[in-house]
Amino acid sequence: MAECILMRKALPLAYAPVHWPPGIELRPWNAGRAQAVLALLLSVQQLEAGTQVVSWLQQLAHDAEFDPRLCRLAYDQHGLVGFAMGWTSSFIRHLVVRTDARQQGLGTALLHDLLNVYRYRDEGFVDLTLLADNTDALRLYAKAGMIEVRRYTP
């Protein structure tokens, strides 16, 4: 199994500025957008291959950690370009940017936006996990002030 890293960020009292790349529009979560989100998550292996939208939606509907208000869907003129999902336990479950849209600040914007939501909810910190070999994500999270808490193999 691959090594994972648990990272944490203590949330400051002030909100982080969010700078959205030009042409990005945020849209709320709804079941009608789930197929595009699922396709994006599958394209970067953040969900198990073969996951079907109906079963994924059922899983989310029965998960006490899921709150649609903690989902961020970013669209450009070509469709869904980025997605972030937080759990109610101050845990970032997903943060993904379409491969052809990376290095433009969207990942940072999605992260800061979600961190601001947790700050608004009076959370003290936010956690997330990632694969240790995901150097792009490690760089993004470290730049945002997240620190490594521990490494583990599931």
Protein backbone atom coordinates (compact mmCIF):
# COMPACT_ATOMS: atom_id res chain seq x y z
CA MET A 1 0.00 0.00 0.00
CA ALA A 2 1.05 3.58 -0.61
CA GLU A 3 2.23 5.86 2.16
CA CYS A 4 -0.20 8.62 3.18
CA ILE A 5 0.30 11.92 4.97
CA LEU A 6 -2.08 13.56 7.41
CA MET A 7 -1.77 17.35 7.20
CA ARG A 8 -3.32 20.04 9.41
CA LYS A 9 -3.79 23.78 9.34
CA ALA A 10 -4.64 25.84 12.38
CA LEU A 11 -7.15 28.40 11.20
CA PRO A 12 -6.29 32.04 11.83
CA LEU A 13 -8.89 34.51 13.06
CA ALA A 14 -8.76 36.44 9.78
CA TYR A 15 -10.15 35.12 6.54
CA ALA A 16 -7.75 34.31 3.71
CA PRO A 17 -8.22 36.32 0.51
CA VAL A 18 -9.54 34.21 -2.35
CA HIS A 19 -8.31 35.11 -5.83
CA TRP A 20 -10.28 33.23 -8.47
CA PRO A 21 -8.68 32.82 -11.89
CA PRO A 22 -10.45 34.72 -14.68
CA GLY A 23 -13.54 33.03 -16.09
CA ILE A 24 -14.25 30.84 -13.05
CA GLU A 25 -17.80 30.60 -11.76
CA LEU A 26 -18.77 28.79 -8.54
CA ARG A 27 -21.96 26.75 -8.57
CA PRO A 28 -23.70 24.98 -5.70
CA TRP A 29 -23.76 21.22 -5.25
CA ASN A 30 -26.77 19.36 -6.54
CA ALA A 31 -27.39 15.81 -7.71
CA GLY A 32 -27.64 16.96 -11.33
CA ARG A 33 -23.98 17.95 -11.24
CA ALA A 34 -22.81 14.75 -9.55
CA GLN A 35 -21.93 12.90 -12.78
CA ALA A 36 -19.46 15.63 -13.83
CA VAL A 37 -17.96 15.69 -10.31
CA LEU A 38 -17.64 11.91 -10.27
CA ALA A 39 -15.94 11.92 -13.69
CA LEU A 40 -13.43 14.52 -12.46
CA LEU A 41 -12.68 12.58 -9.28
CA LEU A 42 -12.26 9.34 -11.23
CA SER A 43 -9.94 11.04 -13.74
CA VAL A 44 -7.42 11.69 -10.96
CA GLN A 45 -8.05 8.45 -9.05
CA GLN A 46 -9.64 10.12 -6.02
CA LEU A 47 -12.39 7.50 -6.08
CA GLU A 48 -12.26 3.81 -6.79
CA ALA A 49 -12.43 2.97 -10.50
CA GLY A 50 -15.87 1.79 -11.51
CA THR A 51 -17.72 3.91 -8.95
CA GLN A 52 -21.22 4.61 -10.28
CA VAL A 53 -23.01 7.90 -9.73
CA VAL A 54 -26.15 6.35 -8.21
CA SER A 55 -24.25 4.37 -5.58
CA TRP A 56 -21.94 7.33 -4.87
CA LEU A 57 -24.93 9.65 -4.32
CA GLN A 58 -26.55 7.06 -2.03
CA GLN A 59 -23.34 6.77 -0.05
CA LEU A 60 -23.16 10.57 0.36
CA ALA A 61 -26.83 10.80 1.32
CA HIS A 62 -26.28 8.36 4.20
CA ASP A 63 -22.98 9.85 5.38
CA ALA A 64 -23.33 12.14 8.42
CA GLU A 65 -20.10 13.89 7.37
CA PHE A 66 -21.55 15.07 4.04
CA ASP A 67 -22.93 18.60 3.84
CA PRO A 68 -23.59 20.05 0.37
CA ARG A 69 -22.72 23.52 1.73
CA LEU A 70 -19.13 22.26 2.07
CA CYS A 71 -18.84 21.52 -1.65
CA ARG A 72 -17.26 23.94 -4.12
CA LEU A 73 -17.79 23.37 -7.85
CA ALA A 74 -15.74 25.60 -10.13
CA TYR A 75 -16.73 25.97 -13.77
CA ASP A 76 -15.13 27.63 -16.77
CA GLN A 77 -16.50 27.92 -20.31
CA HIS A 78 -15.72 24.22 -20.93
CA GLY A 79 -17.47 22.83 -17.86
CA LEU A 80 -16.44 21.60 -14.43
CA VAL A 81 -12.80 22.50 -13.88
CA GLY A 82 -12.36 22.10 -10.13
CA PHE A 83 -14.03 20.59 -7.09
CA ALA A 84 -13.51 20.71 -3.34
CA MET A 85 -15.48 18.82 -0.71
CA GLY A 86 -15.19 19.17 3.02
CA TRP A 87 -16.64 16.98 5.73
CA THR A 88 -18.49 18.35 8.74
CA SER A 89 -15.59 17.21 10.95
CA SER A 90 -13.26 19.90 9.52
CA PHE A 91 -11.71 17.47 7.10
CA ILE A 92 -11.09 18.18 3.42
CA ARG A 93 -12.20 15.04 1.61
CA HIS A 94 -11.50 16.10 -1.98
CA LEU A 95 -9.71 18.91 -3.75
CA VAL A 96 -9.11 18.42 -7.45
CA VAL A 97 -8.44 20.59 -10.48
CA ARG A 98 -8.80 19.27 -14.02
CA THR A 99 -5.30 18.45 -15.31
CA ASP A 100 -5.37 20.94 -18.18
CA ALA A 101 -6.37 23.78 -15.82
CA ARG A 102 -3.63 23.42 -13.21
CA GLN A 103 -0.96 26.00 -12.35
CA GLN A 104 -3.44 28.91 -12.67
CA GLY A 105 -4.34 29.37 -9.00
CA LEU A 106 -7.62 27.46 -8.96
CA GLY A 107 -6.44 24.86 -6.43
CA THR A 108 -5.28 27.62 -4.09
CA ALA A 109 -8.58 29.49 -4.52
CA LEU A 110 -10.66 26.37 -3.81
CA LEU A 111 -8.54 25.59 -0.74
CA HIS A 112 -8.71 29.13 0.67
CA ASP A 113 -12.45 29.33 0.02
CA LEU A 114 -13.07 26.09 1.91
CA LEU A 115 -10.74 27.15 4.74
CA ASN A 116 -12.76 30.37 5.03
CA VAL A 117 -15.97 28.34 5.34
CA TYR A 118 -14.44 26.38 8.22
CA ARG A 119 -13.22 29.61 9.80
CA TYR A 120 -16.78 30.99 9.54
CA ARG A 121 -18.00 27.84 11.30
CA ASP A 122 -15.56 28.65 14.18
CA GLU A 123 -13.43 25.58 13.57
CA GLY A 124 -9.93 25.72 15.05
CA PHE A 125 -8.16 23.62 12.45
CA VAL A 126 -8.66 21.60 9.26
CA ASP A 127 -7.17 18.23 8.37
CA LEU A 128 -6.70 16.32 5.14
CA THR A 129 -4.84 13.28 3.91
CA LEU A 130 -3.00 12.69 0.67
CA LEU A 131 -0.65 10.20 -0.90
CA ALA A 132 2.95 10.93 0.01
CA ASP A 133 4.05 10.83 -3.64
CA ASN A 134 1.58 13.56 -4.67
CA THR A 135 4.20 16.30 -4.79
CA ASP A 136 1.96 18.89 -6.47
CA ALA A 137 -0.64 18.60 -3.71
CA LEU A 138 2.04 18.62 -1.01
CA ARG A 139 3.42 21.85 -2.43
CA LEU A 140 -0.05 23.45 -2.59
CA TYR A 141 -0.92 22.54 0.99
CA ALA A 142 2.48 23.52 2.40
CA LYS A 143 2.23 26.90 0.65
CA ALA A 144 -1.16 27.39 2.34
CA GLY A 145 0.45 26.77 5.75
CA MET A 146 -0.57 23.17 6.31
CA ILE A 147 1.89 21.05 8.25
CA GLU A 148 2.55 17.33 8.21
CA VAL A 149 1.14 15.65 11.30
CA ARG A 150 2.10 12.06 10.53
CA ARG A 151 2.83 9.52 7.83
CA TYR A 152 1.12 6.16 7.75
CA THR A 153 0.31 3.20 5.56
CA PRO A 154 -3.37 2.27 5.57
